[in-house]
């Protein structure tokens, strides 16, 4: 229900921007179809598997996910650090039976280029958990299979300007929102 409500809300609020109906920015209206068609080959889903030093409640590994995008044709993917790394490589579990700390012993990354349904292994190049930024290096990928994101370094969006985001909210790959 939450996902459907969010989709309807985005369409109601962003309809004029997406479709150019009466927007005061008609000359700057986002062509979301063109944007998606180019950037769909830049955006990846990231699956992070974390292995702990001990088993608790029968579980020794946990998988989480997020989104990233290719920065260049060398296979570097930018993402947020909380998708790929825990701040201090340990997790505290509190329950009615007490609390325990699990030490993380390994991270494994699987990157999916969803537009082509191809999966690749990746390694962590670096992460800054304070700034919530990270870089992954995708292994054994053909540069012809993806696009590097075009990043405008000369201007910064102003409050009120339209922007797009492509990702996988709630696990829904290939989602685009604009506003």
Foldseek 3Di string as FASTA:
>chain_A
DVVVVVVVVLCVVCVCLQVVPPDPVSVQRDPVVVVLVAQLQFKKKKKKKWAWPDDDPNDGIDIDIWMWGAADLQQKTKDFQVNFDDPVQKDWDQDPVGIDITGTDDMWMWIASVVVRDIFTWDWPDHDNVVRMTMIGTPPDHSVRGDHDDDDPPDDDDPPRKDKDAIQVVHNHGDMGMD
